[in-house]
Amino acid sequence: MKGLARSYVWWPQMDVAVEGLVKACARCQESRNTPPCAPLHPWEIPKLPWRRIHIDYAGLWQGKMFLILVDAYSKWREAFPLNSATSAVTIQCLRQSFSQHGLPEIVVSDKGSCFTSKEFHEFMSCNGIKHITTAPYHAASNGLAERAVQTFKSLMKKTTGDSIEARIARALFSYRITPQSTTGKSPAELLCSRKLRSTLDLIHPDFKSQVQDKQLKQKWYHDQHAKERHLSVGENVYTKNFSSVPTWISGTVQKRTGPLSYTIALGSGQVVRRHIDQVRNSQVVSPAGTSVGLESSLQDVTELPLPESVSPAPSGDCVGQPTSGTTTEVTVSETLKAEEQPELRRSTRTRKLPSYLKDFA
């Protein structure tokens, strides 16, 4: 569109006007691609074990549903084989785990029906636990639990046993005694403190600094292809539509619910929660702070006088073709500065024919 406009007319800030027209078009916005991902925002490292746990369901897999729990500090994991994923069964498994390790301060999960029910909410409130849910259809927000599910399935495929309970016990035991690549220590050592302290422990690096360095390195690699964006309350945006077409629907930012998540009020009155990767701006704002439209710029350009050296476009079917009797001469010497041509250098070596060709010379 910019190239087409430049081939006929020109006015100040023409590119901004064309971009404003495209980004103000609802049909264009509804079919655009997903914006670049936001910079990585790592979860804060807890000061003590079993202060924040991440939970998620794995399955249906091998005829069972598996509730996976992972501690954010020690990376300790637990797995419960279940026949169904309901709120009552989930609460029963959590109560069993909490009776062994205590009540956590924060529980992070997705927005599954078993985690958003009234029964589950009352269980969290009665035990003084803060329940945090991630944005729908954005598994990376609960990446710790998603990775725990993947690791658990991989271990179960490699573990042998007569029953599924025996295989789960062997897989979890092998994982809990193995040092983590991120922390450098085993989950059992960090959660249960079973390894006795000695003078050799003084040479171990600080745990929190090591994890922060890993996270900063991961953030640095991730942010190479990321673009930082911020949204303000009341701003008109387009959010991803996961129910049906169109792909993007308009809305207004209602509240910021996290570092990278917002609640969006749609035109139909529905309020949804979205990650910033699922939201993008709806229009371009000019430096003066007002939207620039193509129609207003086209009206302004008609009032601008044409330079004397520019002739109006010829009329007829052959628009853009040179008219008869009108020529434009451009001399290179007038537009470019004369530069001295470098002297050609040729070899002064005497060239002789090969000896086996002297009879044919």
Protein backbone atom coordinates (compact mmCIF):
# COMPACT_ATOMS: atom_id res chain seq x y z
CA MET A 1 0.00 0.00 0.00
CA LYS A 2 2.86 2.38 0.75
CA GLY A 3 4.51 1.62 -2.57
CA LEU A 4 1.26 2.18 -4.45
CA ALA A 5 0.69 5.50 -2.72
CA ARG A 6 4.25 6.67 -3.42
CA SER A 7 3.85 5.92 -7.13
CA TYR A 8 1.11 8.55 -7.45
CA VAL A 9 1.28 11.14 -4.66
CA TRP A 10 3.24 12.21 -1.60
CA TRP A 11 2.39 14.13 1.55
CA PRO A 12 4.14 14.57 4.92
CA GLN A 13 4.01 11.47 7.17
CA MET A 14 2.48 9.39 4.40
CA ASP A 15 3.82 6.11 5.87
CA VAL A 16 2.25 6.87 9.26
CA ALA A 17 -1.08 7.62 7.60
CA VAL A 18 -1.10 4.35 5.64
CA GLU A 19 -0.15 2.34 8.73
CA GLY A 20 -2.86 4.08 10.73
CA LEU A 21 -5.48 3.17 8.14
CA VAL A 22 -4.47 -0.50 8.13
CA LYS A 23 -4.31 -0.82 11.92
CA ALA A 24 -7.66 0.92 12.32
CA CYS A 25 -9.31 -1.57 9.92
CA ALA A 26 -11.17 -4.21 11.93
CA ARG A 27 -11.03 -6.84 9.17
CA CYS A 28 -7.26 -6.42 8.83
CA GLN A 29 -6.73 -6.68 12.59
CA GLU A 30 -8.88 -9.80 12.95
CA SER A 31 -6.70 -11.77 10.52
CA ARG A 32 -3.23 -10.66 11.61
CA ASN A 33 -0.54 -12.97 12.94
CA THR A 34 0.33 -13.38 16.60
CA PRO A 35 2.62 -10.59 17.89
CA PRO A 36 6.18 -11.34 19.05
CA CYS A 37 6.38 -13.10 22.41
CA ALA A 38 6.94 -10.98 25.51
CA PRO A 39 10.25 -11.03 27.41
CA LEU A 40 10.56 -13.97 29.78
CA HIS A 41 9.46 -13.25 33.35
CA PRO A 42 10.81 -16.01 35.64
CA TRP A 43 8.93 -16.98 38.77
CA GLU A 44 10.45 -15.64 41.97
CA ILE A 45 12.58 -18.19 43.83
CA PRO A 46 11.00 -19.15 47.19
CA LYS A 47 13.16 -18.74 50.27
CA LEU A 48 12.11 -22.10 51.75
CA PRO A 49 10.95 -25.45 50.35
CA TRP A 50 7.28 -26.23 49.92
CA ARG A 51 6.25 -22.56 49.93
CA ARG A 52 4.99 -22.55 46.34
CA ILE A 53 3.90 -25.68 44.46
CA HIS A 54 2.75 -26.07 40.87
CA ILE A 55 0.11 -28.65 39.99
CA ASP A 56 -1.21 -30.04 36.73
CA TYR A 57 -2.90 -33.14 35.32
CA ALA A 58 -1.22 -35.58 32.93
CA GLY A 59 -3.43 -37.87 30.94
CA LEU A 60 -5.42 -39.65 29.97
CA TRP A 61 -2.25 -41.78 29.73
CA GLN A 62 -1.94 -45.56 30.09
CA GLY A 63 -5.55 -45.66 31.25
CA LYS A 64 -4.98 -43.29 34.18
CA MET A 65 -5.06 -39.60 35.01
CA PHE A 66 -1.99 -38.44 36.96
CA LEU A 67 -2.01 -35.44 39.30
CA ILE A 68 1.53 -34.02 39.29
CA LEU A 69 2.84 -31.77 42.08
CA VAL A 70 6.22 -30.03 41.97
CA ASP A 71 7.86 -27.81 44.57
CA ALA A 72 9.31 -24.61 43.11
CA TYR A 73 12.26 -24.55 45.54
CA SER A 74 13.49 -28.15 45.70
CA LYS A 75 11.90 -29.48 42.47
CA TRP A 76 10.43 -32.33 44.56
CA ARG A 77 7.69 -34.06 42.60
CA GLU A 78 4.77 -36.26 43.51
CA ALA A 79 2.35 -38.18 41.30
CA PHE A 80 -1.09 -39.61 42.09
CA PRO A 81 -2.74 -42.08 39.66
CA LEU A 82 -6.46 -41.36 39.38
CA ASN A 83 -9.40 -42.63 37.39
CA SER A 84 -10.99 -39.19 36.98
CA ALA A 85 -9.94 -35.56 37.41
CA THR A 86 -12.60 -34.05 39.67
CA SER A 87 -12.35 -31.41 42.37
CA ALA A 88 -13.11 -33.92 45.15
CA VAL A 89 -10.39 -36.32 44.03
CA THR A 90 -7.92 -33.47 43.58
CA ILE A 91 -8.59 -32.15 47.09
CA GLN A 92 -8.13 -35.64 48.52
CA CYS A 93 -4.69 -35.99 46.89
CA LEU A 94 -3.61 -32.51 48.00
CA ARG A 95 -4.74 -33.20 51.56
CA GLN A 96 -2.61 -36.36 51.60
CA SER A 97 0.43 -34.46 50.32
CA PHE A 98 -0.06 -31.53 52.71
CA SER A 99 -0.27 -33.90 55.66
CA GLN A 100 3.31 -35.00 54.91
CA HIS A 101 4.99 -31.72 53.95
CA GLY A 102 2.71 -29.05 55.42
CA LEU A 103 0.54 -26.39 53.88
CA PRO A 104 2.16 -24.31 51.14
CA GLU A 105 1.69 -20.57 50.82
CA ILE A 106 0.90 -20.52 47.10
CA VAL A 107 -0.57 -23.09 44.70
CA VAL A 108 -0.22 -22.42 40.95
CA SER A 109 -2.43 -24.19 38.40
CA ASP A 110 -4.14 -23.64 35.08
CA LYS A 111 -7.81 -22.77 34.76
CA GLY A 112 -9.08 -26.35 34.57
CA SER A 113 -12.59 -26.97 35.83
CA CYS A 114 -11.32 -29.04 38.77
CA PHE A 115 -9.13 -26.09 39.90
CA THR A 116 -11.72 -23.32 39.47
CA SER A 117 -14.70 -24.94 41.15
CA LYS A 118 -16.28 -23.49 44.29
CA GLU A 119 -15.31 -26.58 46.27
CA PHE A 120 -11.63 -26.18 45.40
CA HIS A 121 -11.77 -22.45 46.15
CA GLU A 122 -13.20 -23.10 49.61
CA PHE A 123 -10.48 -25.69 50.31
CA MET A 124 -7.76 -23.16 49.45
CA SER A 125 -9.38 -20.41 51.54
CA CYS A 126 -9.92 -22.59 54.61
CA ASN A 127 -6.25 -23.59 54.65
CA GLY A 128 -4.90 -20.07 54.07
CA ILE A 129 -3.43 -20.91 50.65
CA LYS A 130 -3.24 -18.36 47.85
CA HIS A 131 -4.41 -19.90 44.58
CA ILE A 132 -2.90 -18.44 41.38
CA THR A 133 -4.23 -19.45 37.97
CA THR A 134 -2.38 -18.88 34.70
CA ALA A 135 -3.76 -17.47 31.46
CA PRO A 136 -5.84 -19.97 29.45
CA TYR A 137 -4.14 -21.66 26.47
CA HIS A 138 -0.73 -20.38 27.62
CA ALA A 139 1.06 -23.41 29.04
CA ALA A 140 4.37 -21.55 29.39
CA SER A 141 2.98 -19.56 32.33
CA ASN A 142 2.89 -22.81 34.32
CA GLY A 143 6.02 -24.16 32.70
CA LEU A 144 7.34 -25.84 35.86
CA ALA A 145 4.33 -28.16 36.06
CA GLU A 146 4.29 -28.76 32.30
CA ARG A 147 7.94 -29.81 32.38
CA ALA A 148 7.26 -32.05 35.40
CA VAL A 149 4.54 -33.85 33.43
CA GLN A 150 6.91 -34.41 30.51
CA THR A 151 9.69 -35.74 32.75
CA PHE A 152 7.30 -38.03 34.61
CA LYS A 153 6.04 -39.62 31.39
CA SER A 154 9.60 -40.16 30.19
CA LEU A 155 10.58 -41.87 33.45
CA MET A 156 7.51 -44.10 33.41
CA LYS A 157 8.39 -45.37 29.94
CA LYS A 158 11.86 -46.43 31.15
CA THR A 159 10.83 -47.92 34.51
CA THR A 160 9.83 -51.56 34.96
CA GLY A 161 7.51 -53.03 37.57
CA ASP A 162 4.71 -55.48 38.20
CA SER A 163 2.12 -52.75 38.87
CA ILE A 164 1.67 -49.10 38.01
CA GLU A 165 2.13 -48.16 41.68
CA ALA A 166 5.51 -49.89 41.74
CA ARG A 167 6.60 -48.13 38.56
CA ILE A 168 5.55 -44.75 39.95
CA ALA A 169 7.45 -45.37 43.20
CA ARG A 170 10.63 -46.38 41.37
CA ALA A 171 10.43 -43.47 38.93
CA LEU A 172 9.88 -40.90 41.67
CA PHE A 173 12.61 -42.36 43.88
CA SER A 174 15.14 -42.23 41.05
CA TYR A 175 14.21 -38.65 40.33
CA ARG A 176 14.28 -37.47 43.96
CA ILE A 177 17.84 -38.69 44.63
CA THR A 178 19.29 -37.35 41.37
CA PRO A 179 20.95 -33.89 41.47
CA GLN A 180 19.14 -31.32 39.36
CA SER A 181 20.92 -29.58 36.51
CA THR A 182 19.42 -26.25 37.65
CA THR A 183 20.01 -26.45 41.38
CA GLY A 184 22.97 -28.81 41.45
CA LYS A 185 21.40 -30.72 44.35
CA SER A 186 18.88 -33.50 44.65
CA PRO A 187 15.22 -32.71 45.52
CA ALA A 188 15.43 -34.90 48.63
CA GLU A 189 18.44 -32.98 49.88
CA LEU A 190 16.70 -29.62 49.47
CA LEU A 191 13.30 -30.65 50.83
CA CYS A 192 14.15 -33.20 53.53
CA SER A 193 17.73 -32.15 54.38
CA ARG A 194 18.82 -35.79 54.60
CA LYS A 195 22.40 -35.13 53.53
CA LEU A 196 24.52 -34.29 56.52
CA ARG A 197 26.55 -31.11 56.46
CA SER A 198 30.36 -31.21 56.42
CA THR A 199 33.21 -28.81 55.82
CA LEU A 200 33.14 -29.79 52.14
CA ASP A 201 29.76 -28.07 51.88
CA LEU A 202 31.51 -24.72 52.28
CA ILE A 203 32.83 -24.97 48.72
CA HIS A 204 29.34 -25.34 47.26
CA PRO A 205 28.11 -22.22 45.44
CA ASP A 206 25.21 -20.22 46.81
CA PHE A 207 22.01 -21.98 45.75
CA LYS A 208 19.93 -18.88 45.09
CA SER A 209 22.65 -17.15 43.06
CA GLN A 210 23.16 -20.28 40.96
CA VAL A 211 19.45 -20.56 40.17
CA GLN A 212 19.29 -16.83 39.38
CA ASP A 213 22.23 -17.16 36.98
CA LYS A 214 20.46 -20.04 35.23
CA GLN A 215 17.28 -18.03 34.96
CA LEU A 216 19.10 -14.93 33.72
CA LYS A 217 20.86 -17.01 31.08
CA GLN A 218 17.58 -18.58 30.01
CA LYS A 219 15.96 -15.12 29.96
CA TRP A 220 18.80 -13.73 27.85
CA TYR A 221 18.40 -16.42 25.19
CA HIS A 222 14.62 -16.08 25.23
CA ASP A 223 14.64 -12.27 24.97
CA GLN A 224 16.74 -12.30 21.81
CA HIS A 225 13.50 -12.84 19.87
CA ALA A 226 11.16 -11.02 22.27
CA LYS A 227 9.70 -7.52 22.25
CA GLU A 228 8.73 -5.76 25.45
CA ARG A 229 5.23 -4.27 25.46
CA HIS A 230 3.09 -2.57 28.09
CA LEU A 231 -0.66 -2.03 28.25
CA SER A 232 -2.50 0.59 30.25
CA VAL A 233 -5.96 0.39 31.83
CA GLY A 234 -8.64 1.65 29.44
CA GLU A 235 -6.55 1.06 26.32
CA ASN A 236 -8.32 -0.35 23.25
CA VAL A 237 -6.70 -3.62 22.19
CA TYR A 238 -7.29 -6.76 20.14
CA THR A 239 -7.19 -10.06 21.99
CA LYS A 240 -6.89 -13.63 20.71
CA ASN A 241 -10.20 -15.41 20.25
CA PHE A 242 -9.99 -19.13 21.14
CA SER A 243 -13.67 -20.02 20.76
CA SER A 244 -14.40 -19.31 17.10
CA VAL A 245 -13.67 -16.94 14.24
CA PRO A 246 -12.52 -14.19 13.93
CA THR A 247 -9.00 -14.79 15.24
CA TRP A 248 -8.79 -11.35 16.91
CA ILE A 249 -11.60 -9.51 18.67
CA SER A 250 -11.56 -5.98 20.05
CA GLY A 251 -11.73 -5.14 23.73
CA THR A 252 -10.59 -2.78 26.46
CA VAL A 253 -7.94 -3.41 29.11
CA GLN A 254 -9.77 -3.60 32.43
CA LYS A 255 -7.12 -4.60 34.97
CA ARG A 256 -3.56 -5.86 35.23
CA THR A 257 -3.61 -9.17 37.09
CA GLY A 258 0.10 -10.03 36.91
CA PRO A 259 3.44 -9.02 35.39
CA LEU A 260 2.34 -10.30 31.97
CA SER A 261 -1.41 -10.94 32.28
CA TYR A 262 -4.46 -8.69 31.96
CA THR A 263 -8.24 -8.88 32.11
CA ILE A 264 -9.90 -7.71 28.88
CA ALA A 265 -13.49 -6.50 28.63
CA LEU A 266 -14.92 -7.53 25.26
CA GLY A 267 -17.58 -5.66 23.33
CA SER A 268 -20.17 -8.31 24.23
CA GLY A 269 -19.68 -7.58 27.95
CA GLN A 270 -17.62 -10.73 28.61
CA VAL A 271 -14.44 -10.32 30.66
CA VAL A 272 -11.55 -12.65 29.79
CA ARG A 273 -8.03 -13.02 31.13
CA ARG A 274 -5.20 -13.05 28.63
CA HIS A 275 -1.41 -13.17 28.59
CA ILE A 276 0.26 -10.19 26.92
CA ASP A 277 1.41 -12.54 24.13
CA GLN A 278 -2.29 -12.97 23.31
CA VAL A 279 -3.01 -9.22 23.17
CA ARG A 280 -1.87 -6.50 20.79
CA ASN A 281 -2.55 -2.80 20.26
CA SER A 282 -5.48 -1.80 18.05
CA GLN A 283 -4.14 1.29 16.29
CA VAL A 284 -1.09 3.50 15.74
CA VAL A 285 -0.82 6.78 17.59
CA SER A 286 0.95 9.75 16.00
CA PRO A 287 3.69 11.65 17.90
CA ALA A 288 1.12 14.30 18.81
CA GLY A 289 -0.95 11.64 20.56
CA THR A 290 -3.86 11.43 18.12
CA SER A 291 -4.72 8.74 15.61
CA VAL A 292 -3.76 9.50 12.04
CA GLY A 293 -6.15 8.44 9.28
CA LEU A 294 -5.56 8.11 5.57
CA GLU A 295 -8.73 9.98 4.63
CA SER A 296 -7.70 13.17 6.46
CA SER A 297 -4.23 13.05 4.95
CA LEU A 298 -5.71 12.69 1.45
CA GLN A 299 -7.76 15.82 2.04
CA ASP A 300 -4.71 17.73 3.21
CA VAL A 301 -2.60 16.73 0.24
CA THR A 302 -5.05 18.23 -2.22
CA GLU A 303 -4.42 21.65 -0.71
CA LEU A 304 -0.64 21.43 -1.02
CA PRO A 305 0.81 23.22 -4.11
CA LEU A 306 2.81 21.07 -6.48
CA PRO A 307 6.47 22.05 -7.06
CA GLU A 308 7.21 23.80 -10.34
CA SER A 309 9.42 20.97 -11.50
CA VAL A 310 6.64 18.41 -11.12
CA SER A 311 3.92 18.06 -13.72
CA PRO A 312 0.49 16.69 -12.85
CA ALA A 313 -0.21 13.06 -13.72
CA PRO A 314 -1.48 12.61 -17.28
CA SER A 315 -5.08 11.62 -17.81
CA GLY A 316 -6.17 8.58 -19.72
CA ASP A 317 -5.94 4.86 -19.41
CA CYS A 318 -2.13 4.69 -19.45
CA VAL A 319 -1.52 6.27 -16.07
CA GLY A 320 2.15 6.41 -15.09
CA GLN A 321 3.44 6.23 -18.70
CA PRO A 322 5.53 9.11 -20.09
CA THR A 323 3.56 11.44 -22.36
CA SER A 324 4.67 12.47 -25.80
CA GLY A 325 6.67 15.69 -25.98
CA THR A 326 7.77 15.50 -22.36
CA THR A 327 11.23 14.24 -21.56
CA THR A 328 13.30 14.31 -18.44
CA GLU A 329 17.05 14.26 -18.78
CA VAL A 330 19.24 13.27 -15.89
CA THR A 331 22.98 13.66 -16.10
CA VAL A 332 25.07 11.50 -13.87
CA SER A 333 27.81 14.08 -13.65
CA GLU A 334 25.34 16.59 -12.19
CA THR A 335 24.11 14.29 -9.43
CA LEU A 336 27.27 12.42 -8.52
CA LYS A 337 30.62 13.81 -7.56
CA ALA A 338 33.42 13.02 -9.94
CA GLU A 339 35.89 10.57 -8.54
CA GLU A 340 39.25 9.61 -9.88
CA GLN A 341 39.29 6.23 -11.51
CA PRO A 342 41.97 3.96 -10.05
CA GLU A 343 44.78 3.03 -12.40
CA LEU A 344 44.51 -0.49 -13.76
CA ARG A 345 47.30 -2.75 -12.67
CA ARG A 346 48.36 -5.59 -14.94
CA SER A 347 50.95 -8.24 -14.51
CA THR A 348 54.37 -7.58 -16.16
CA ARG A 349 55.30 -11.22 -16.21
CA THR A 350 56.56 -12.48 -19.59
CA ARG A 351 54.16 -15.09 -20.88
CA LYS A 352 55.70 -18.05 -22.70
CA LEU A 353 54.08 -20.97 -24.36
CA PRO A 354 54.64 -24.41 -22.84
CA SER A 355 57.50 -26.35 -24.43
CA TYR A 356 55.22 -29.13 -25.65
CA LEU A 357 53.33 -26.57 -27.79
CA LYS A 358 56.33 -24.99 -29.51
CA ASP A 359 55.88 -27.16 -32.64
CA PHE A 360 52.34 -25.77 -33.06
CA ALA A 361 53.08 -22.14 -32.44
